[in-house]
C-alpha atoms as a PDB file:
ATOM      1  CA  MET A   1      -0.974  17.010   0.234  1.00  0.00           C
ATOM      2  CA  GLU A   2      -3.528  19.648   1.156  1.00  0.00           C
ATOM      3  CA  LYS A   3      -4.206  20.365   4.824  1.00  0.00           C
ATOM      4  CA  GLU A   4      -7.837  19.293   4.554  1.00  0.00           C
ATOM      5  CA  ASP A   5      -6.881  15.986   2.933  1.00  0.00           C
ATOM      6  CA  GLN A   6      -4.292  15.422   5.678  1.00  0.00           C
ATOM      7  CA  TYR A   7      -7.024  16.125   8.240  1.00  0.00           C
ATOM      8  CA  ILE A   8      -9.360  13.599   6.587  1.00  0.00           C
ATOM      9  CA  TYR A   9      -6.586  10.998   6.459  1.00  0.00           C
ATOM     10  CA  GLU A  10      -5.717  11.454  10.125  1.00  0.00           C
ATOM     11  CA  LYS A  11      -9.336  11.391  11.364  1.00  0.00           C
ATOM     12  CA  VAL A  12     -10.353   8.331   9.336  1.00  0.00           C
ATOM     13  CA  SER A  13      -7.135   6.478  10.209  1.00  0.00           C
ATOM     14  CA  GLU A  14      -7.553   7.213  13.911  1.00  0.00           C
ATOM     15  CA  TYR A  15     -11.176   6.039  13.810  1.00  0.00           C
ATOM     16  CA  ALA A  16     -10.272   2.939  11.780  1.00  0.00           C
ATOM     17  CA  ASP A  17      -7.621   1.995  14.342  1.00  0.00           C
ATOM     18  CA  LYS A  18     -10.366   1.873  16.972  1.00  0.00           C
ATOM     19  CA  VAL A  19     -13.237   0.204  15.117  1.00  0.00           C
ATOM     20  CA  LEU A  20     -11.210  -2.162  12.945  1.00  0.00           C
ATOM     21  CA  ASP A  21      -8.786  -3.208  15.682  1.00  0.00           C
ATOM     22  CA  GLY A  22      -8.020  -6.894  15.382  1.00  0.00           C
ATOM     23  CA  ILE A  23      -9.611  -7.228  11.942  1.00  0.00           C
ATOM     24  CA  ASP A  24      -7.418  -8.656   9.197  1.00  0.00           C
ATOM     25  CA  PRO A  25      -8.178  -6.454   6.166  1.00  0.00           C
ATOM     26  CA  GLN A  26      -7.023  -9.246   3.854  1.00  0.00           C
ATOM     27  CA  LYS A  27      -9.664 -11.629   5.231  1.00  0.00           C
ATOM     28  CA  VAL A  28     -12.604  -9.304   5.928  1.00  0.00           C
ATOM     29  CA  GLN A  29     -14.815  -8.088   3.088  1.00  0.00           C
ATOM     30  CA  VAL A  30     -14.293  -4.494   2.015  1.00  0.00           C
ATOM     31  CA  SER A  31     -18.024  -3.819   2.368  1.00  0.00           C
ATOM     32  CA  PHE A  32     -17.815  -4.747   6.075  1.00  0.00           C
ATOM     33  CA  GLN A  33     -14.840  -2.433   6.554  1.00  0.00           C
ATOM     34  CA  LEU A  34     -16.590   0.424   4.749  1.00  0.00           C
ATOM     35  CA  ASP A  35     -19.712  -0.092   6.832  1.00  0.00           C
ATOM     36  CA  LYS A  36     -17.595   0.267   9.994  1.00  0.00           C
ATOM     37  CA  LEU A  37     -16.079   3.519   8.656  1.00  0.00           C
ATOM     38  CA  LYS A  38     -19.379   5.024   7.537  1.00  0.00           C
ATOM     39  CA  PRO A  39     -19.960   7.052  10.765  1.00  0.00           C
ATOM     40  CA  ILE A  40     -16.657   8.935  10.513  1.00  0.00           C
ATOM     41  CA  MET A  41     -17.095   9.467   6.769  1.00  0.00           C
ATOM     42  CA  SER A  42     -20.583  10.904   7.362  1.00  0.00           C
ATOM     43  CA  SER A  43     -19.372  13.065  10.230  1.00  0.00           C
ATOM     44  CA  LEU A  44     -16.518  14.496   8.182  1.00  0.00           C
ATOM     45  CA  ALA A  45     -18.866  15.069   5.242  1.00  0.00           C
ATOM     46  CA  LEU A  46     -21.136  17.203   7.428  1.00  0.00           C
ATOM     47  CA  GLU A  47     -18.213  19.055   8.951  1.00  0.00           C
ATOM     48  CA  LEU A  48     -16.574  19.783   5.591  1.00  0.00           C
ATOM     49  CA  LYS A  49     -19.848  20.333   3.691  1.00  0.00           C
ATOM     50  CA  SER A  50     -19.222  17.416   1.385  1.00  0.00           C
ATOM     51  CA  THR A  51     -20.548  13.905   0.772  1.00  0.00           C
ATOM     52  CA  PRO A  52     -19.402  10.658   2.401  1.00  0.00           C
ATOM     53  CA  GLU A  53     -18.425   9.407  -1.057  1.00  0.00           C
ATOM     54  CA  ASP A  54     -16.192  12.438  -1.625  1.00  0.00           C
ATOM     55  CA  ILE A  55     -14.614  11.988   1.821  1.00  0.00           C
ATOM     56  CA  PHE A  56     -13.927   8.340   0.989  1.00  0.00           C
ATOM     57  CA  ILE A  57     -12.265   9.260  -2.324  1.00  0.00           C
ATOM     58  CA  ARG A  58     -10.154  11.953  -0.678  1.00  0.00           C
ATOM     59  CA  TYR A  59      -9.178   9.541   2.097  1.00  0.00           C
ATOM     60  CA  MET A  60      -8.127   6.879  -0.404  1.00  0.00           C
ATOM     61  CA  ASP A  61      -6.112   9.447  -2.394  1.00  0.00           C
ATOM     62  CA  ALA A  62      -4.388  10.620   0.791  1.00  0.00           C
ATOM     63  CA  ALA A  63      -3.713   7.022   1.865  1.00  0.00           C
ATOM     64  CA  SER A  64      -2.153   6.309  -1.549  1.00  0.00           C
ATOM     65  CA  PHE A  65       0.003   9.429  -1.222  1.00  0.00           C
ATOM     66  CA  MET A  66       1.147   8.443   2.275  1.00  0.00           C
ATOM     67  CA  SER A  67       1.911   4.909   1.112  1.00  0.00           C
ATOM     68  CA  ALA A  68       3.962   6.211  -1.818  1.00  0.00           C
ATOM     69  CA  GLU A  69       5.873   8.571   0.476  1.00  0.00           C
ATOM     70  CA  SER A  70       6.600   5.739   2.897  1.00  0.00           C
ATOM     71  CA  GLU A  71       7.805   3.510   0.063  1.00  0.00           C
ATOM     72  CA  LYS A  72       9.976   6.319  -1.320  1.00  0.00           C
ATOM     73  CA  LYS A  73      11.555   6.817   2.108  1.00  0.00           C
ATOM     74  CA  PHE A  74      12.135   3.073   2.461  1.00  0.00           C
ATOM     75  CA  GLN A  75      13.682   2.802  -0.996  1.00  0.00           C
ATOM     76  CA  SER A  76      15.995   5.747  -0.292  1.00  0.00           C
ATOM     77  CA  THR A  77      17.431   3.957   2.733  1.00  0.00           C
ATOM     78  CA  LEU A  78      18.233   0.813   0.737  1.00  0.00           C
ATOM     79  CA  GLY A  79      21.201   2.515  -0.885  1.00  0.00           C
ATOM     80  CA  HIS A  80      22.515   3.647   2.491  1.00  0.00           C
ATOM     81  CA  MET A  81      22.731   0.382   4.400  1.00  0.00           C
ATOM     82  CA  ASP A  82      25.789  -1.386   5.651  1.00  0.00           C
ATOM     83  CA  LYS A  83      26.429  -5.060   4.981  1.00  0.00           C
ATOM     84  CA  TYR A  84      24.216  -6.011   7.958  1.00  0.00           C
ATOM     85  CA  GLY A  85      21.203  -4.051   6.692  1.00  0.00           C
ATOM     86  CA  ASP A  86      21.582  -1.199   9.180  1.00  0.00           C
ATOM     87  CA  TYR A  87      21.082   2.352   7.977  1.00  0.00           C
ATOM     88  CA  MET A  88      24.379   4.222   7.512  1.00  0.00           C
ATOM     89  CA  GLU A  89      24.213   7.911   8.241  1.00  0.00           C
ATOM     90  CA  PHE A  90      27.749   8.442   6.984  1.00  0.00           C
ATOM     91  CA  GLU A  91      29.771   6.400   4.587  1.00  0.00           C
ATOM     92  CA  GLN A  92      32.002   3.961   6.426  1.00  0.00           C
ATOM     93  CA  PHE A  93      35.493   3.101   5.245  1.00  0.00           C
END
């Protein structure tokens, strides 16, 4: 992931943690969530000489990348667990 996209992801995520705290994203309309994130998207657009729509797209791409990386890491540990589900650093005999 590019540095600028990482920056966008971190800034929007940090802001979202503050303004969407306590909101269940599964129960709250996406339009409400986007409205809450509009200030940071606009701010980043000005800073990076872009548009809020472009910032949103780049954020969503970065979030998808981070999610895929997290899932890949999780899946890689599945093959290295002991019978109790704990991660095994070394093979046990």
